[in-house]
Every structure is written in structure tokens, then in C-alpha cells.
Protein backbone atom coordinates (compact mmCIF):
# COMPACT_ATOMS: atom_id res chain seq x y z
CA MET A 1 0.00 0.00 0.00
CA ALA A 2 1.34 3.44 -0.91
CA GLN A 3 2.28 5.56 2.07
CA THR A 4 0.03 8.44 3.00
CA THR A 5 1.85 11.56 4.11
CA PRO A 6 0.56 14.83 5.54
CA GLU A 7 1.61 16.51 2.27
CA SER A 8 -0.42 14.10 0.14
CA THR A 9 -3.47 13.95 2.38
CA PRO A 10 -6.21 16.26 1.11
CA ALA A 11 -7.91 18.46 3.70
CA LEU A 12 -11.20 16.89 4.75
CA LYS A 13 -14.40 18.93 4.91
CA THR A 14 -15.23 17.48 8.30
CA GLN A 15 -18.11 19.87 8.92
CA GLN A 16 -19.92 18.50 5.89
CA LEU A 17 -19.06 14.92 6.83
CA VAL A 18 -20.48 15.40 10.31
CA THR A 19 -23.57 17.19 9.00
CA ASP A 20 -24.30 14.26 6.69
CA VAL A 21 -23.80 11.76 9.53
CA LEU A 22 -26.13 13.71 11.83
CA ALA A 23 -28.71 13.85 9.05
CA THR A 24 -29.16 10.07 9.43
CA ILE A 25 -30.56 10.67 12.94
CA ASP A 26 -34.35 10.96 12.62
CA ARG A 27 -35.15 13.04 15.69
CA GLU A 28 -33.98 16.61 15.92
CA ARG A 29 -33.62 16.39 19.71
CA GLU A 30 -31.19 13.51 19.38
CA ARG A 31 -29.20 15.35 16.71
CA GLU A 32 -29.01 18.34 19.04
CA ILE A 33 -27.78 16.20 21.94
CA VAL A 34 -24.97 14.59 19.93
CA ALA A 35 -23.85 17.87 18.35
CA ARG A 36 -23.71 19.67 21.69
CA ARG A 37 -22.20 16.83 23.71
CA PHE A 38 -19.31 16.39 21.24
CA GLY A 39 -18.92 20.10 20.54
CA LEU A 40 -19.26 19.55 16.80
CA PHE A 41 -20.19 23.11 15.91
CA ASP A 42 -19.59 25.03 19.13
CA ARG A 43 -18.16 24.39 22.58
CA LYS A 44 -18.95 21.11 24.31
CA GLU A 45 -21.85 21.23 26.75
CA THR A 46 -22.53 19.25 29.90
CA LEU A 47 -25.41 16.87 30.48
CA GLU A 48 -26.95 19.43 32.82
CA GLN A 49 -26.73 22.26 30.30
CA ILE A 50 -28.35 20.22 27.52
CA GLY A 51 -31.00 18.82 29.84
CA GLU A 52 -31.94 22.29 30.98
CA MET A 53 -32.23 23.50 27.40
CA LEU A 54 -34.35 20.53 26.31
CA GLY A 55 -36.38 20.28 29.49
CA ILE A 56 -35.24 16.73 30.39
CA THR A 57 -33.05 15.25 33.12
CA ARG A 58 -29.29 14.88 32.78
CA GLU A 59 -29.70 11.11 33.04
CA ARG A 60 -32.11 11.12 30.12
CA VAL A 61 -29.61 13.13 28.08
CA ARG A 62 -26.92 10.57 28.89
CA GLN A 63 -29.20 7.67 27.89
CA LEU A 64 -30.14 9.28 24.59
CA GLU A 65 -26.53 10.15 23.77
CA LYS A 66 -25.37 6.60 24.42
CA ALA A 67 -28.22 5.08 22.41
CA VAL A 68 -27.65 7.33 19.40
CA VAL A 69 -23.87 6.84 19.32
CA THR A 70 -24.31 3.06 19.64
CA ARG A 71 -26.77 3.11 16.77
CA LEU A 72 -24.48 5.20 14.59
CA SER A 73 -21.51 2.94 15.35
CA SER A 74 -23.55 -0.13 14.41
CA THR A 75 -24.61 1.47 11.14
CA ALA A 76 -21.00 2.42 10.40
CA GLU A 77 -19.86 -1.15 11.06
CA LYS A 78 -22.32 -2.34 8.41
CA GLY A 79 -20.84 0.19 5.99
CA SER A 80 -24.07 2.18 5.77
CA LEU A 81 -23.04 5.45 7.45
CA PRO A 82 -22.03 8.15 4.94
CA HIS A 83 -18.32 9.02 4.60
CA ILE A 84 -17.09 6.87 7.48
CA ALA A 85 -15.32 4.28 5.30
CA ASP A 86 -13.38 6.97 3.41
CA PHE A 87 -12.60 8.92 6.58
CA GLU A 88 -11.44 5.74 8.29
CA ALA A 89 -9.18 4.78 5.38
CA THR A 90 -7.54 8.21 5.40
CA VAL A 91 -6.92 8.12 9.15
CA LEU A 92 -5.60 4.55 9.01
CA GLY A 93 -3.08 5.61 6.40
CA LEU A 94 -1.83 8.43 8.62
CA LEU A 95 -1.67 6.22 11.69
CA GLU A 96 0.24 3.48 9.88
CA ASP A 97 2.91 6.04 9.07
CA SER A 98 3.06 7.49 12.57
CA GLY A 99 3.27 4.47 14.87
CA SER A 100 -0.34 3.21 15.10
CA VAL A 101 -1.58 6.00 17.39
CA ALA A 102 -1.71 9.80 17.43
CA ARG A 103 -3.24 12.61 19.41
CA VAL A 104 -6.45 14.02 17.98
CA SER A 105 -4.82 17.44 17.73
CA GLN A 106 -1.99 16.01 15.61
CA LEU A 107 -4.36 14.09 13.36
CA THR A 108 -6.54 17.16 12.89
CA ALA A 109 -3.52 19.22 11.89
CA GLN A 110 -2.84 16.69 9.13
CA LEU A 111 -6.46 16.44 8.00
CA SER A 112 -7.60 20.05 8.14
CA ASP A 113 -6.56 23.48 6.92
CA SER A 114 -7.91 25.03 10.13
CA PRO A 115 -7.45 22.59 13.04
CA ASP A 116 -9.43 24.53 15.64
CA ARG A 117 -11.29 23.12 18.64
CA GLU A 118 -14.47 22.31 16.70
CA GLU A 119 -12.44 20.62 13.97
CA GLN A 120 -10.70 18.45 16.56
CA ALA A 121 -14.09 17.55 18.05
CA ARG A 122 -15.36 16.47 14.62
CA VAL A 123 -12.29 14.30 13.97
CA ALA A 124 -12.72 12.64 17.38
CA PHE A 125 -16.43 12.06 16.73
CA LEU A 126 -15.90 10.53 13.28
CA SER A 127 -13.08 8.39 14.66
CA GLN A 128 -15.34 7.08 17.42
CA LEU A 129 -17.79 5.89 14.78
CA SER A 130 -15.07 4.19 12.70
CA PRO A 131 -15.02 0.42 13.37
CA GLN A 132 -11.28 0.03 12.82
CA LEU A 133 -10.22 2.87 15.11
CA THR A 134 -9.74 3.07 18.88
CA VAL A 135 -10.51 6.39 20.56
CA ILE A 136 -8.99 7.42 23.89
CA GLN A 137 -11.03 10.13 25.58
CA GLU A 138 -9.11 12.98 27.15
CA ASP A 139 -8.78 12.81 30.95
CA ASP A 140 -6.20 13.57 33.63
CA ASN A 141 -3.81 10.97 32.24
CA PHE A 142 -4.30 11.03 28.48
CA TYR A 143 -4.76 13.47 25.64
CA GLY A 144 -7.62 12.68 23.29
CA SER A 145 -6.07 10.14 20.93
CA VAL A 146 -6.87 7.77 18.08
CA GLY A 147 -5.24 4.40 17.38
CA ILE A 148 -5.52 1.46 15.03
CA LYS A 149 -7.85 -1.01 16.72
CA SER A 150 -6.08 -4.07 15.31
CA ALA A 151 -2.90 -2.88 17.07
CA TYR A 152 -4.43 -1.52 20.28
CA ASP A 153 -7.80 -1.53 21.90
CA ASP A 154 -8.46 1.02 24.66
CA LYS A 155 -7.17 -1.19 27.47
CA ALA A 156 -4.08 -2.43 25.62
CA LEU A 157 -3.07 1.08 24.55
CA LYS A 158 -3.31 2.45 28.07
CA ALA A 159 -1.37 -0.52 29.44
CA ARG A 160 1.36 -0.01 26.85
CA VAL A 161 1.70 3.66 27.76
CA ALA A 162 1.80 2.79 31.47
CA GLY A 163 4.66 0.38 30.74
CA LEU A 164 6.48 3.11 28.84
CA ILE A 165 6.12 5.49 31.80
CA ASP A 166 7.47 2.83 34.18
CA THR A 167 10.46 2.29 31.89
CA ILE A 168 11.28 5.99 31.85
CA LYS A 169 10.97 6.15 35.65
CA GLN A 170 13.43 3.26 35.93
CA ILE A 171 15.89 4.95 33.57
CA GLY A 172 15.65 7.99 35.84
CA GLU A 173 16.63 10.70 33.36
CA PRO A 174 15.59 11.94 29.90
CA GLN A 175 16.67 9.69 27.06
CA THR A 176 16.20 9.48 23.31
CA ILE A 177 13.14 7.62 22.14
CA ASP A 178 15.40 4.96 20.57
CA GLN A 179 16.90 4.16 23.97
CA ILE A 180 13.51 4.20 25.66
CA ALA A 181 11.93 1.97 23.01
CA LYS A 182 14.76 -0.56 23.40
CA ALA A 183 14.45 -0.58 27.19
CA ALA A 184 10.66 -0.95 26.97
CA GLY A 185 10.83 -3.75 24.41
CA ILE A 186 9.10 -1.76 21.66
CA ALA A 187 10.51 -2.61 18.24
CA SER A 188 9.67 0.70 16.57
CA SER A 189 10.92 4.05 17.86
CA ALA A 190 8.11 5.75 15.93
CA GLU A 191 5.56 3.65 17.78
CA ALA A 192 7.17 4.42 21.15
CA ALA A 193 7.12 8.16 20.38
CA SER A 194 3.48 8.00 19.31
CA LEU A 195 2.48 6.15 22.46
CA ALA A 196 4.46 8.57 24.64
CA SER A 197 2.79 11.56 22.97
CA THR A 198 -0.64 10.43 24.18
CA SER A 199 0.35 10.63 27.86
CA LYS A 200 -0.02 13.76 29.97
CA HIS A 201 2.70 12.40 32.25
CA LEU A 202 5.44 12.57 29.60
CA ALA A 203 7.12 15.38 27.69
CA THR A 204 9.87 15.79 25.11
CA LEU A 205 12.48 18.44 24.41
CA ASN A 206 15.60 18.51 22.25
CA GLY A 207 15.10 14.92 21.13
CA ARG A 208 14.74 13.38 24.59
CA TRP A 209 11.70 12.12 26.48
CA GLY A 210 11.07 12.10 30.20
CA LEU A 211 8.53 12.66 32.97
CA ILE A 212 6.66 15.92 32.70
CA LYS A 213 7.94 16.96 36.13
CA TRP A 214 11.54 16.86 34.88
CA PRO A 215 12.84 20.34 33.96
CA MET A 216 15.05 18.94 31.19
CA VAL A 217 11.99 18.03 29.10
CA ASN A 218 9.41 20.41 30.56
CA PRO A 219 11.00 23.63 31.84
CA LYS A 220 8.27 25.57 33.62
CA ASN A 221 10.05 28.82 34.44
CA ILE A 222 13.12 30.90 33.57
CA ARG A 223 15.32 29.01 36.03
CA ASP A 224 14.42 25.65 34.50
CA LYS A 225 15.14 26.99 31.02
CA ILE A 226 18.54 28.26 32.16
CA TYR A 227 19.24 24.81 33.61
CA VAL A 228 18.33 23.12 30.32
CA ILE A 229 20.54 25.48 28.31
CA LEU A 230 23.56 24.93 30.57
CA LYS A 231 23.00 21.19 30.73
CA GLU A 232 22.71 20.93 26.95
CA ASN A 233 25.82 23.09 26.45
CA GLY A 234 27.79 20.93 28.87
CA LYS A 235 30.03 23.74 30.09
CA HIS A 236 30.00 27.20 31.63
CA MET A 237 28.37 30.12 29.81
CA HIS A 238 28.16 33.88 30.18
CA PHE A 239 24.69 35.09 31.10
CA ASN A 240 24.47 36.94 27.76
CA GLU A 241 25.13 33.65 25.94
CA ILE A 242 22.45 31.96 28.03
CA ALA A 243 19.96 34.71 27.13
CA ASP A 244 20.73 34.33 23.42
CA ALA A 245 20.39 30.54 23.63
CA ILE A 246 16.97 30.81 25.27
CA LYS A 247 15.79 33.22 22.58
CA ASP A 248 16.96 30.77 19.88
CA SER A 249 15.45 27.72 21.62
CA ASP A 250 12.26 25.74 21.06
CA PHE A 251 10.83 26.77 24.43
CA LYS A 252 7.19 27.83 24.34
CA ARG A 253 7.88 31.12 26.12
CA LYS A 254 11.28 32.61 25.45
CA ASP A 255 10.64 36.37 25.44
CA VAL A 256 12.60 37.07 28.62
CA THR A 257 15.09 39.86 29.20
CA THR A 258 18.78 39.36 29.80
CA GLN A 259 18.44 41.10 33.16
CA ALA A 260 15.69 38.68 34.24
CA ILE A 261 17.93 35.76 33.33
CA HIS A 262 20.84 37.25 35.30
CA ASN A 263 18.59 37.76 38.32
CA GLU A 264 17.47 34.12 38.26
CA LEU A 265 21.05 32.89 37.92
CA ILE A 266 21.91 34.75 41.11
CA LYS A 267 18.94 33.38 43.07
CA ASP A 268 19.01 29.69 42.14
CA LYS A 269 21.36 27.37 44.06
CA ARG A 270 21.75 25.15 40.99
CA PHE A 271 23.95 27.81 39.37
CA VAL A 272 27.43 28.89 40.48
CA LEU A 273 29.20 32.08 39.45
CA ILE A 274 32.69 31.00 38.37
CA GLY A 275 33.87 34.14 36.60
CA ARG A 276 32.78 37.63 35.64
CA GLY A 277 29.19 36.98 34.47
CA ILE A 278 30.04 33.32 33.82
CA TYR A 279 27.94 30.54 35.35
CA ALA A 280 28.14 26.77 35.65
CA LEU A 281 26.00 24.06 37.23
CA LYS A 282 26.65 23.12 40.85
CA GLU A 283 26.16 19.47 39.92
CA TRP A 284 29.37 19.67 37.87
CA GLY A 285 31.31 19.99 41.10
CA TYR A 286 31.39 23.75 41.48
CA GLU A 287 30.79 25.43 44.83
CA LYS A 288 29.74 28.98 45.57
CA GLY A 289 32.36 31.34 46.92
CA THR A 290 34.82 34.09 46.09
CA VAL A 291 38.23 33.49 44.53
CA ALA A 292 39.70 33.89 48.02
CA ASP A 293 37.33 31.19 49.29
CA ILE A 294 38.50 28.81 46.56
CA ILE A 295 42.17 29.52 47.29
CA SER A 296 41.51 28.76 50.96
CA GLU A 297 39.82 25.50 50.04
CA VAL A 298 42.72 24.53 47.76
CA LEU A 299 45.27 25.15 50.52
CA ARG A 300 43.12 23.45 53.14
CA ASP A 301 42.75 20.34 50.95
CA ALA A 302 46.49 20.29 50.18
CA LYS A 303 47.38 20.36 53.90
CA GLU A 304 50.70 21.92 52.97
CA PRO A 305 52.04 25.12 51.41
CA LEU A 306 51.79 25.33 47.62
CA HIS A 307 53.68 27.21 44.96
CA ARG A 308 51.62 30.00 43.44
CA ASP A 309 51.65 28.29 40.01
CA GLU A 310 50.10 25.17 41.56
CA ILE A 311 47.51 27.29 43.39
CA VAL A 312 46.59 29.03 40.14
CA LYS A 313 46.31 25.69 38.34
CA ARG A 314 43.98 24.25 40.97
CA VAL A 315 41.81 27.35 41.30
CA LEU A 316 41.31 27.51 37.52
CA LYS A 317 39.69 24.07 37.68
CA SER A 318 36.72 25.61 39.48
CA ARG A 319 36.85 29.28 38.52
CA PHE A 320 36.96 30.92 35.11
CA VAL A 321 39.03 33.97 36.09
CA LYS A 322 42.28 35.62 35.09
CA GLU A 323 45.50 34.41 36.70
CA THR A 324 46.19 37.96 37.88
CA THR A 325 42.94 37.89 39.88
CA ILE A 326 44.14 34.81 41.75
CA LEU A 327 47.58 36.28 42.37
CA LEU A 328 46.13 39.56 43.65
CA ASN A 329 43.99 37.62 46.12
CA LEU A 330 47.01 35.59 47.27
CA GLN A 331 49.08 38.71 47.85
CA GLY A 332 46.38 41.00 49.17
CA LYS A 333 44.20 38.87 51.46
CA PRO A 334 45.19 38.49 55.12
CA GLN A 335 44.25 34.80 55.31
CA PHE A 336 47.21 33.87 53.08
CA LYS A 337 50.87 34.13 54.03
CA ARG A 338 54.00 33.61 51.99
CA VAL A 339 56.18 30.96 53.64
CA ALA A 340 58.86 30.69 50.95
CA LYS A 341 59.65 32.16 47.57
CA ALA A 342 56.32 32.24 45.60
CA THR A 343 54.93 29.67 48.05
CA TYR A 344 51.83 30.25 50.18
CA ALA A 345 49.93 28.72 53.08
CA LEU A 346 46.84 29.58 55.09
CA ASP A 347 47.48 32.00 57.93
CA GLU A 348 45.91 30.13 60.83
CA ALA A 349 46.77 32.86 63.34
């Protein structure tokens, strides 16, 4: 079968498809219930809201909705519901190319020129009526999603995603989808990515997936974004470089000022100032403190006097400063004393 790609998939006139499907419902009240409950032409409405409008109880609305959808699904399974077979074939083609499952929002973007909320609702509705498709309703754990029923029913899909989440928890840090798929025993990386995208507990950034609570894949504030930038860079950066990197990133909100970034660097204990405007991550082994503090630590760890060249060498491992700055501190701070030519120790007096 020829592959179906987003570029080759014609935009569907879902409003007309849904209108024709609703036209097969004899009673206007039942058409109204389905249209409002699914949000096919306007926002979704609750059972209470529809019941109040129609003058019936919320339970009666629920019963009628269930009966009508069941009837439509049965008609579709017999091949007698307009447009469903063609819609289903189009969606199956897209899903086969994207790992057997996709979020409704992603599918709608491929199927429609204007993937707004109503358009997404229509795609979800038509998918629910399609015999060969599985629909996952949006809740606290999942985004509204559609899968190939022969690959996953509702229960199997949710179980597979739960297994993927457990695997990522066991790994303990963001990883590429290839690594996660291998660890989870999923043959296709595309399938693993598609499954992961349906979960509200997972997120991805810069090619790696992880738990949504992990800043490296879901930075929630300026400090988290700074952390991601430094971590990705793998070495110290000036705060101006960090600001530029955030502005050039894929973060959702990146319109922050350089001053705001500098302020957050100062406040957050994850970041250590190691030079003039230069910051590194504490987890890399850096500790807060002045150059004099670092010299003191070097001498204290050595437990013996050190030549100034050795002091400079050791300080430069944890501070990105000029050698003259280190020498000025050695010569000008009272806690250091020269005990031999160019050799210094801590003044314990």
C-alpha cells in the first residue's frame, strides 16, 4: 500500500461529513444532543446544560446520547453510514505512518486546513464511529487520541503507555526515544514516540523524552530553562550567551530579558558564578564562593604550602578567572601568608 503523508493527504471537509452523519438521525432532539455533547459546531456542553435547554433530566440526556452513538456505530460497522469508510481509510493511512496511534490534535492538523477546537471535536467524533479505530477520551492521564484497533484496543493502549512510563521512571533521566523503546521492548521508535505523545505524564524536548515533572523536558520557568541550556551546552556560559540561547530555543515562552535571566542565575542554588558573568552548574562539582574562598579551600585540601603556580592551576579548575585575579587575592588577602619564595599557606593565626 502506498504511504500516506501529511503533504499528500487532502484536507477533509469534516463539517460537511459530520452534518451528513447527523442527518441520518431521525429526531432533531437527538441530533441536538450529539452535536452539543461532542462540541461539533460550538463548545462542548454538559449533560446538565443540555438537559436544561431541552427540558429533560441529565440522566435522560446521557441515555439518549449513548443510544444514538451506539446506533451510529452499528450502522457504520455495516458500511451504511455516509463518509465513514473513506474517513477511516484516510486516518488509518496516517496512523500506519506514525506508529499506530496519534493525538487528535496532531491528526486534525494533518487532516484540516484550520485545526481549531471544533475541527478536533469532529475528527474525534468521526473516529469514534469508525469500526477500525480506537478512541482514547481525554482525561487527567491522556490526551484525546486515536489508534488502530487491530494494534491496540483502549485497554491495551493504556497498558502499553503505562509500561512506557514505568520504563522511563526506571531509567531515571531523559533519554532518546530509541533508547527508551529498546528498554521498553518496543521494536519501533516511531511507535514508542506516538504512544508517549498520548500521555499527559510525559514530555519531550531537544530529542529526549522524560517525565513531565523533569525540567530537562518540561522547563516551567526561567530558572528551569537556564538549567536546560547549561546542561545541553555541557560547560559554563556567560549570562548573555544563556539569554541568546533561550531566545533561539524551542521553548514555548522565550521572550525574557537578559536582566531577568541574570537575576534568576543569582537566586538559584543550581547555578554557580565561576567568573565575571560566567555561570556553571553546581552538579558539575562547582561550589559557591569568592576566589579567596576557593584559594583557601585549595590550601586546606592540600594540607601543605603550595607554589603560586600550583595554586593558580587548581583554582582555575573551578573558577573561570584571570590568573592575575588569583595572584592579587594571594598577595592581598590576610588569610594567606607567603612561607617561601612564591609559596603560600593559610594563615591560621
